[in-house]
Every structure is written in C-alpha cells, then in structure tokens.
Amino acid sequence: MAWYRDNCRQLPWRSDISVYRVWVSEVMLQQTQVKTVIPYYIRFMETWPDLKDLAATGLETVLKTWEGLGYYARARNLHKAAGIVVRDMGGIIPDDYKGFKNLPGVGDYIASAVLSITGSKPHAVVDGNVKRVLARLLCVDAPVNHSAAHKAYKAIAEKLLYEKDPGTYNQAVMELGALVCTPKRPDCGPCPLAGECCAYEKQVTDIFPRRIKKKKVPTVHIAAGIVKKKGKVLITRRKLDGLLGGLWEFPGGKVEPKESSEQACIRELREETGIEAGNLQFLTRVFHAYTHFKIEMDVFFCDYISGRVLLNGPIDHKWVSVDQLHQFPFPRANLKFMELIRG
C-alpha cells in the first residue's frame, strides 16, 4: 500500500471518488486497457455526470458514445442498471454486496471493486492483474484462464485482504500487476513483494502464472452490402441482446461453402431485408477479431433493384444519406471502412 501511494497512476476516476464514477470506470476497464478507456470515461462523465442523467438517456445515444470501446453488453447493462436504480431504488445505488451484485452486468469483480474502493467494504478483488501477482507470489498452479480457478484465487485474495483499508489494498495489488508484475518481463527489482515472492526466489517468473493453451480461434467469412437507393444507403439495427446488440450495421452475413462473396451478399440482403440488389462493386475486405472468433468481411456497393424492406432478424432499418451515418452507433468492423464510403 505504501508502494501504491508513491507510484500509482493519476487516473480520472481516482481524482473524484464516488460510487457512480468508480462503477462506470470498472465497467469500462473490463477487458479493455486503461489508455483506451481514459478518453471514453472523460467523455462519458461530461455527458452524464450522474446516474439520473444516464438513466434518462436513450440506449442508442449511450451506444454511440460507447462506439469503438467494444463489448457493448457492458453499456447496455450499465444503462439498464441505471434505470433500475432510478426507477426502483430512489436513485440510491445499493451499498451492500448482494443488492449491488443483483444489478445487470454487476458480477463479483465489479461489486467487490466498487464497494471496497468507495465504501471500504471488505471484499477482495480478483482480476487478471491480481491473479498474476498471487500466482507468482505463492507459485499457484491453478491456471489463471480456467473458469474453475477463480474460486481458488478468490479464497487466497480474501485471506490476504487488509480489511482496515480494503479499497487501497485492492487497488495496490491491481496496480502492482499492471505496472510491475506484468505478463512478460516483470520488473522484479523495485517490487515491494520481491523478498516474499516464490516465483522470484525460484527464478520461474516466466512459468507463472500457468495458463491453459487456448484453441485456435476460427475465422468466419462474411459479406456485407452497402445498398444505394436515390442517394441514400440502407442500414439495419441488430437485436438488443447478443453480440453487438442494438448497434446499426450494413446488412450481410456468412458466406456459405461453395458460395462466392457476391452471391452471399445478394442472398443475405434478400433474406435479411427482403430486397433485391445488383450491380455489385467490391469496396474492401475488412479483418476484425472478437473474443472467440475472427471475421474477414468482403464489402460491396450495391444498387437497389426491387422489393420493400421486410426485416428478418434485424429490428429496425433506415435509408440515410452518407452524411448521416455518423449519427448512428456502428460496430468497429463497420467503422473500419466508413471513411471509404464517405470518400
């Protein structure tokens, strides 16, 4: 904790601590690097300085502000939780573990982090940084990327928790993992735990933490069409749940075996929107990686031929000018070729 006070980063959510601000920061920091989060966090707080402001805003506006940060279920759950707190709890965020954890998107990590940092509640935090520190400190064999291992690391973290100041302690362990006990080439010299670290003593910091080798991530081939009609293009909105829920996109889908990208584009447009398109012109190929799979997407300009939009899958559609596209939240894969459309 002494090391933390001398070496911690000056981050925007640490300068003005409140339950709402820390909650938002922890949601954003899940699976996302600090340097990526900072500008999003600042913009989010400028737009919605308190929970009531967030709850009063439409989901699409929230998703637009979140655009590019990824893992959009985080934004949907945060927005939903804000609505529940304002509508059902008088605007007061629960200060007990069970009550807070019952809110959408709040798991053990967020509940423990927020309540310990803002309310000094004695809950140990376990994230990737904490697991790495504990694995090296005690030479823990449990693989950090195995779901069953969380329970083991949680038990260790709870035993070590400094209950008189759990918030500072939790942040200190996480910061140590982020700045010193890094995944590769940990800087053991200045580490305040070096004298007690099992992995450092045995010179096996490269072996710990142990990990299960991940399976190769599959690649999915996709075709998408930018359908032009009377100076406007067609966009569709995804269902509110699931991957990229609530975002707008250019319609398309998976290329089937023995099918060309052009054929898949025409077929997907017909199946998803009910319209016929033709005169395809290749625009670009986009590569994008999600957590469990990758995509390579062939993008085409298409001319509207016939038919009325009858959606099968998407929940909404709009014909918009190219200049209006910036008003809608899109997945990052679509953003990668947006400038080509405008150009």
Protein backbone atom coordinates (compact mmCIF):
# COMPACT_ATOMS: atom_id res chain seq x y z
CA MET A 1 0.00 0.00 0.00
CA ALA A 2 2.96 2.33 0.69
CA TRP A 3 4.34 1.46 -2.76
CA TYR A 4 0.91 2.21 -4.28
CA ARG A 5 0.66 5.64 -2.68
CA ASP A 6 4.09 6.56 -4.09
CA ASN A 7 3.69 5.00 -7.53
CA CYS A 8 0.02 4.85 -8.55
CA ARG A 9 -1.08 6.43 -11.80
CA GLN A 10 -3.13 9.61 -11.69
CA LEU A 11 -6.32 8.40 -13.37
CA PRO A 12 -9.52 10.46 -13.79
CA TRP A 13 -11.69 8.11 -11.75
CA ARG A 14 -9.27 8.34 -8.82
CA SER A 15 -9.47 12.12 -8.53
CA ASP A 16 -13.15 12.35 -7.57
CA ILE A 17 -14.29 9.09 -6.00
CA SER A 18 -18.00 8.31 -5.98
CA VAL A 19 -19.89 5.05 -6.37
CA TYR A 20 -21.20 6.09 -9.80
CA ARG A 21 -17.83 7.23 -11.17
CA VAL A 22 -15.93 4.17 -9.93
CA TRP A 23 -18.71 1.89 -11.19
CA VAL A 24 -18.53 3.37 -14.69
CA SER A 25 -14.73 3.13 -14.72
CA GLU A 26 -14.72 -0.51 -13.63
CA VAL A 27 -17.29 -1.42 -16.27
CA MET A 28 -15.18 0.22 -18.96
CA LEU A 29 -11.95 -1.34 -17.70
CA GLN A 30 -13.26 -4.88 -18.06
CA GLN A 31 -11.20 -6.45 -20.87
CA THR A 32 -10.02 -3.01 -22.02
CA GLN A 33 -6.70 -1.22 -21.45
CA VAL A 34 -6.51 1.90 -19.28
CA LYS A 35 -5.11 4.10 -22.06
CA THR A 36 -8.07 3.17 -24.28
CA VAL A 37 -10.62 3.78 -21.53
CA ILE A 38 -9.48 7.25 -20.37
CA PRO A 39 -10.91 9.37 -23.25
CA TYR A 40 -14.15 7.35 -23.25
CA TYR A 41 -14.51 7.76 -19.50
CA ILE A 42 -13.92 11.53 -19.63
CA ARG A 43 -16.44 11.95 -22.46
CA PHE A 44 -18.97 9.71 -20.67
CA MET A 45 -18.73 11.73 -17.46
CA GLU A 46 -19.01 15.03 -19.31
CA THR A 47 -22.18 13.76 -20.98
CA TRP A 48 -23.75 12.01 -17.97
CA PRO A 49 -22.25 13.38 -14.74
CA ASP A 50 -24.63 11.38 -12.57
CA LEU A 51 -26.75 8.25 -12.66
CA LYS A 52 -30.04 10.08 -13.23
CA ASP A 53 -28.67 11.72 -16.37
CA LEU A 54 -27.62 8.33 -17.71
CA ALA A 55 -30.97 6.70 -16.89
CA ALA A 56 -32.86 9.48 -18.69
CA THR A 57 -30.93 8.95 -21.93
CA GLY A 58 -31.92 6.61 -24.75
CA LEU A 59 -29.86 3.44 -25.23
CA GLU A 60 -28.86 4.36 -28.77
CA THR A 61 -27.21 7.56 -27.56
CA VAL A 62 -25.29 5.61 -24.92
CA LEU A 63 -24.15 3.07 -27.52
CA LYS A 64 -23.00 5.88 -29.81
CA THR A 65 -20.83 7.32 -27.01
CA TRP A 66 -19.51 3.80 -26.35
CA GLU A 67 -18.81 3.22 -30.06
CA GLY A 68 -15.37 1.68 -30.62
CA LEU A 69 -14.87 0.61 -26.99
CA GLY A 70 -16.28 -2.85 -27.72
CA TYR A 71 -18.10 -5.40 -25.55
CA TYR A 72 -21.32 -3.45 -25.92
CA ALA A 73 -23.23 -5.60 -23.45
CA ARG A 74 -21.35 -3.58 -20.81
CA ALA A 75 -23.01 -0.38 -22.00
CA ARG A 76 -26.45 -1.98 -22.31
CA ASN A 77 -26.25 -3.44 -18.81
CA LEU A 78 -24.95 -0.22 -17.27
CA HIS A 79 -27.78 1.74 -18.88
CA LYS A 80 -30.35 -0.83 -17.76
CA ALA A 81 -28.96 -0.88 -14.23
CA ALA A 82 -29.09 2.92 -14.05
CA GLY A 83 -32.77 2.78 -14.99
CA ILE A 84 -33.48 0.22 -12.27
CA VAL A 85 -31.68 2.25 -9.59
CA VAL A 86 -33.50 5.46 -10.51
CA ARG A 87 -36.92 3.84 -11.01
CA ASP A 88 -36.97 1.26 -8.22
CA MET A 89 -34.38 2.43 -5.67
CA GLY A 90 -34.91 6.15 -5.45
CA GLY A 91 -31.67 6.82 -7.29
CA ILE A 92 -29.59 5.30 -4.48
CA ILE A 93 -27.04 2.69 -5.61
CA PRO A 94 -27.07 -0.28 -3.18
CA ASP A 95 -24.14 -0.22 -0.76
CA ASP A 96 -24.34 -3.92 0.10
CA TYR A 97 -22.71 -6.71 -1.92
CA LYS A 98 -25.85 -8.75 -2.62
CA GLY A 99 -28.01 -5.78 -3.57
CA PHE A 100 -25.37 -4.26 -5.86
CA LYS A 101 -24.48 -7.59 -7.45
CA ASN A 102 -28.14 -8.15 -8.39
CA LEU A 103 -27.98 -5.25 -10.85
CA PRO A 104 -27.48 -6.09 -14.56
CA GLY A 105 -23.83 -6.51 -15.52
CA VAL A 106 -22.53 -6.42 -11.94
CA GLY A 107 -20.53 -9.54 -11.11
CA ASP A 108 -18.22 -10.38 -8.23
CA TYR A 109 -15.35 -8.29 -9.56
CA ILE A 110 -17.30 -5.04 -10.07
CA ALA A 111 -19.23 -5.43 -6.82
CA SER A 112 -16.03 -6.07 -4.84
CA ALA A 113 -14.06 -3.28 -6.50
CA VAL A 114 -16.73 -0.58 -6.26
CA LEU A 115 -17.82 -1.35 -2.70
CA SER A 116 -14.27 -1.70 -1.35
CA ILE A 117 -12.98 1.47 -3.05
CA THR A 118 -15.97 3.71 -2.31
CA GLY A 119 -17.31 2.21 0.92
CA SER A 120 -14.36 0.36 2.49
CA LYS A 121 -16.38 -2.86 2.37
CA PRO A 122 -14.12 -5.90 3.00
CA HIS A 123 -14.39 -7.62 -0.39
CA ALA A 124 -11.28 -8.87 -2.19
CA VAL A 125 -10.93 -8.06 -5.87
CA VAL A 126 -9.79 -10.72 -8.33
CA ASP A 127 -8.96 -9.73 -11.90
CA GLY A 128 -6.21 -10.71 -14.32
CA ASN A 129 -3.64 -8.49 -12.61
CA VAL A 130 -4.46 -9.84 -9.16
CA LYS A 131 -4.31 -13.45 -10.34
CA ARG A 132 -0.88 -12.87 -11.87
CA VAL A 133 0.50 -11.30 -8.68
CA LEU A 134 -0.89 -14.08 -6.49
CA ALA A 135 0.23 -16.85 -8.86
CA ARG A 136 3.84 -15.61 -8.77
CA LEU A 137 3.85 -14.64 -5.11
CA LEU A 138 2.74 -18.12 -3.98
CA CYS A 139 3.59 -20.26 -7.07
CA VAL A 140 -0.08 -21.15 -7.51
CA ASP A 141 -0.51 -23.97 -10.04
CA ALA A 142 -4.17 -23.24 -10.88
CA PRO A 143 -4.30 -21.93 -14.50
CA VAL A 144 -5.42 -18.29 -14.42
CA ASN A 145 -7.53 -18.66 -17.57
CA HIS A 146 -9.55 -21.63 -16.33
CA SER A 147 -13.01 -20.68 -15.02
CA ALA A 148 -12.73 -23.09 -12.09
CA ALA A 149 -9.58 -21.33 -10.86
CA HIS A 150 -11.39 -18.13 -9.92
CA LYS A 151 -12.65 -19.68 -6.71
CA ALA A 152 -9.12 -20.63 -5.65
CA TYR A 153 -7.69 -17.18 -6.34
CA LYS A 154 -10.65 -15.52 -4.63
CA ALA A 155 -10.02 -17.56 -1.48
CA ILE A 156 -6.35 -16.54 -1.46
CA ALA A 157 -7.20 -12.88 -2.07
CA GLU A 158 -9.70 -12.89 0.80
CA LYS A 159 -7.10 -14.32 3.20
CA LEU A 160 -4.61 -11.59 2.27
CA LEU A 161 -7.11 -8.70 2.22
CA TYR A 162 -6.25 -5.79 4.52
CA GLU A 163 -9.73 -5.20 5.94
CA LYS A 164 -8.91 -1.87 7.60
CA ASP A 165 -8.46 -0.28 4.15
CA PRO A 166 -9.63 -2.79 1.55
CA GLY A 167 -10.07 -0.20 -1.20
CA THR A 168 -6.46 0.97 -1.15
CA TYR A 169 -5.23 -2.60 -0.74
CA ASN A 170 -7.23 -3.89 -3.72
CA GLN A 171 -6.08 -1.02 -5.92
CA ALA A 172 -2.49 -1.57 -4.82
CA VAL A 173 -2.48 -5.23 -5.87
CA MET A 174 -4.12 -4.42 -9.21
CA GLU A 175 -1.68 -1.56 -9.83
CA LEU A 176 1.27 -3.77 -8.96
CA GLY A 177 0.11 -6.25 -11.59
CA ALA A 178 -0.40 -3.51 -14.16
CA LEU A 179 2.90 -1.68 -13.66
CA VAL A 180 5.43 -4.11 -12.15
CA CYS A 181 4.27 -7.73 -12.18
CA THR A 182 3.50 -7.58 -15.89
CA PRO A 183 2.70 -10.63 -18.07
CA LYS A 184 6.10 -10.59 -19.76
CA ARG A 185 9.41 -9.46 -18.21
CA PRO A 186 8.14 -8.39 -14.77
CA ASP A 187 10.23 -5.65 -13.18
CA CYS A 188 11.07 -7.58 -10.01
CA GLY A 189 13.83 -5.27 -8.77
CA PRO A 190 11.63 -2.48 -7.35
CA CYS A 191 8.74 -4.80 -6.50
CA PRO A 192 7.72 -4.41 -2.83
CA LEU A 193 6.92 -8.15 -2.70
CA ALA A 194 10.18 -9.41 -4.22
CA GLY A 195 11.53 -10.60 -0.88
CA GLU A 196 8.49 -12.81 -0.33
CA CYS A 197 7.81 -13.92 -3.91
CA CYS A 198 8.06 -17.65 -4.58
CA ALA A 199 8.46 -17.28 -8.34
CA TYR A 200 11.17 -14.62 -7.96
CA GLU A 201 13.07 -16.71 -5.43
CA LYS A 202 12.97 -19.77 -7.68
CA GLN A 203 13.58 -17.68 -10.83
CA VAL A 204 10.43 -19.02 -12.51
CA THR A 205 8.52 -15.79 -13.13
CA ASP A 206 8.31 -16.82 -16.79
CA ILE A 207 6.45 -20.02 -15.82
CA PHE A 208 3.87 -18.35 -13.59
CA PRO A 209 1.04 -17.72 -13.91
CA ARG A 210 0.21 -21.00 -15.55
CA ARG A 211 -2.23 -20.91 -18.46
CA ILE A 212 -4.18 -23.44 -20.46
CA LYS A 213 -3.28 -23.18 -24.11
CA LYS A 214 -6.21 -21.69 -25.99
CA LYS A 215 -7.74 -23.35 -29.00
CA LYS A 216 -7.16 -21.74 -32.35
CA VAL A 217 -9.73 -19.00 -32.97
CA PRO A 218 -11.87 -19.76 -36.06
CA THR A 219 -12.26 -17.25 -38.88
CA VAL A 220 -15.71 -16.58 -40.35
CA HIS A 221 -16.06 -15.24 -43.90
CA ILE A 222 -18.78 -12.58 -44.19
CA ALA A 223 -20.22 -10.47 -46.99
CA ALA A 224 -21.94 -7.11 -46.43
CA GLY A 225 -23.73 -4.79 -48.81
CA ILE A 226 -23.98 -1.01 -48.91
CA VAL A 227 -27.24 -0.73 -50.81
CA LYS A 228 -27.73 2.58 -52.66
CA LYS A 229 -31.17 3.98 -53.48
CA LYS A 230 -31.93 7.55 -54.56
CA GLY A 231 -28.82 8.97 -52.90
CA LYS A 232 -29.29 7.06 -49.65
CA VAL A 233 -27.93 3.81 -48.19
CA LEU A 234 -29.65 1.09 -46.16
CA ILE A 235 -28.66 0.36 -42.56
CA THR A 236 -30.26 -2.14 -40.19
CA ARG A 237 -30.29 -2.41 -36.40
CA ARG A 238 -29.31 -5.59 -34.55
CA LYS A 239 -31.46 -7.13 -31.83
CA LEU A 240 -30.88 -5.56 -28.42
CA ASP A 241 -29.39 -8.71 -26.89
CA GLY A 242 -26.41 -10.77 -28.01
CA LEU A 243 -23.20 -9.76 -29.74
CA LEU A 244 -23.21 -6.08 -30.79
CA GLY A 245 -26.83 -5.79 -29.62
CA GLY A 246 -28.56 -2.52 -30.50
CA LEU A 247 -25.92 -1.36 -32.98
CA TRP A 248 -26.58 -0.38 -36.58
CA GLU A 249 -24.76 -2.05 -39.46
CA PHE A 250 -24.77 -2.64 -43.17
CA PRO A 251 -26.77 -5.84 -43.78
CA GLY A 252 -24.99 -9.05 -44.66
CA GLY A 253 -23.99 -12.40 -43.27
CA LYS A 254 -21.96 -15.55 -43.51
CA VAL A 255 -20.63 -16.80 -46.84
CA GLU A 256 -21.73 -20.42 -47.24
CA PRO A 257 -19.48 -23.20 -48.64
CA LYS A 258 -19.13 -23.12 -52.44
CA GLU A 259 -20.69 -19.64 -52.48
CA SER A 260 -18.92 -16.51 -53.69
CA SER A 261 -18.91 -13.35 -51.61
CA GLU A 262 -21.04 -11.64 -54.25
CA GLN A 263 -23.62 -14.43 -54.17
CA ALA A 264 -23.67 -14.40 -50.38
CA CYS A 265 -24.18 -10.63 -50.30
CA ILE A 266 -27.20 -10.78 -52.63
CA ARG A 267 -28.67 -13.76 -50.76
CA GLU A 268 -28.18 -12.23 -47.32
CA LEU A 269 -29.74 -8.95 -48.41
CA ARG A 270 -32.74 -10.85 -49.71
CA GLU A 271 -33.07 -13.00 -46.58
CA GLU A 272 -32.49 -10.20 -44.04
CA THR A 273 -34.30 -7.32 -45.71
CA GLY A 274 -36.48 -8.77 -48.46
CA ILE A 275 -34.97 -6.59 -51.18
CA GLU A 276 -33.18 -7.48 -54.39
CA ALA A 277 -29.83 -5.85 -55.09
CA GLY A 278 -27.45 -6.00 -58.01
CA ASN A 279 -24.56 -4.37 -59.84
CA LEU A 280 -22.14 -5.19 -57.02
CA GLN A 281 -18.86 -3.29 -56.82
CA PHE A 282 -16.19 -4.52 -54.43
CA LEU A 283 -15.19 -1.86 -51.89
CA THR A 284 -12.76 -3.54 -49.48
CA ARG A 285 -12.02 -6.55 -47.29
CA VAL A 286 -12.03 -5.96 -43.53
CA PHE A 287 -10.39 -8.11 -40.87
CA HIS A 288 -11.59 -7.93 -37.28
CA ALA A 289 -11.10 -10.07 -34.18
CA TYR A 290 -13.67 -10.76 -31.47
CA THR A 291 -13.03 -12.74 -28.30
CA HIS A 292 -13.88 -16.19 -29.64
CA PHE A 293 -13.64 -15.77 -33.42
CA LYS A 294 -12.31 -13.59 -36.20
CA ILE A 295 -14.06 -12.29 -39.29
CA GLU A 296 -12.95 -11.39 -42.77
CA MET A 297 -15.67 -9.31 -44.38
CA ASP A 298 -15.99 -8.50 -48.06
CA VAL A 299 -17.86 -5.22 -48.50
CA PHE A 300 -19.72 -4.27 -51.68
CA PHE A 301 -21.54 -1.26 -53.04
CA CYS A 302 -24.88 -2.48 -54.41
CA ASP A 303 -27.70 -0.92 -56.39
CA TYR A 304 -31.25 -1.35 -55.12
CA ILE A 305 -33.23 -3.31 -57.73
CA SER A 306 -36.66 -4.05 -56.25
CA GLY A 307 -38.71 -5.01 -53.21
CA ARG A 308 -39.92 -3.46 -49.99
CA VAL A 309 -37.93 -3.86 -46.80
CA LEU A 310 -39.32 -6.75 -44.72
CA LEU A 311 -36.90 -7.49 -41.89
CA ASN A 312 -35.93 -11.00 -40.86
CA GLY A 313 -33.51 -10.75 -37.94
CA PRO A 314 -32.83 -7.01 -37.60
CA ILE A 315 -35.31 -4.98 -35.53
CA ASP A 316 -35.21 -1.73 -37.50
CA HIS A 317 -33.96 -0.17 -40.71
CA LYS A 318 -33.35 3.26 -42.17
CA TRP A 319 -32.44 4.75 -45.53
CA VAL A 320 -29.95 7.50 -44.70
CA SER A 321 -27.56 9.78 -46.53
CA VAL A 322 -23.85 9.09 -46.21
CA ASP A 323 -23.53 12.34 -44.24
CA GLN A 324 -25.96 10.98 -41.62
CA LEU A 325 -24.03 7.77 -40.89
CA HIS A 326 -22.01 9.39 -38.09
CA GLN A 327 -25.22 9.81 -36.08
CA PHE A 328 -25.62 6.06 -35.52
CA PRO A 329 -23.58 3.62 -33.39
CA PHE A 330 -21.79 1.05 -35.58
CA PRO A 331 -19.59 -1.97 -34.78
CA ARG A 332 -15.86 -1.36 -35.15
CA ALA A 333 -15.73 -3.70 -38.16
CA ASN A 334 -18.09 -1.31 -40.00
CA LEU A 335 -16.16 1.74 -38.81
CA LYS A 336 -13.05 0.35 -40.49
CA PHE A 337 -14.49 1.08 -43.94
CA MET A 338 -16.72 4.07 -43.12
CA GLU A 339 -14.25 6.60 -44.49
CA LEU A 340 -14.18 4.74 -47.82
CA ILE A 341 -17.94 5.24 -48.11
CA ARG A 342 -17.71 8.94 -47.32
CA GLY A 343 -14.75 9.36 -49.66
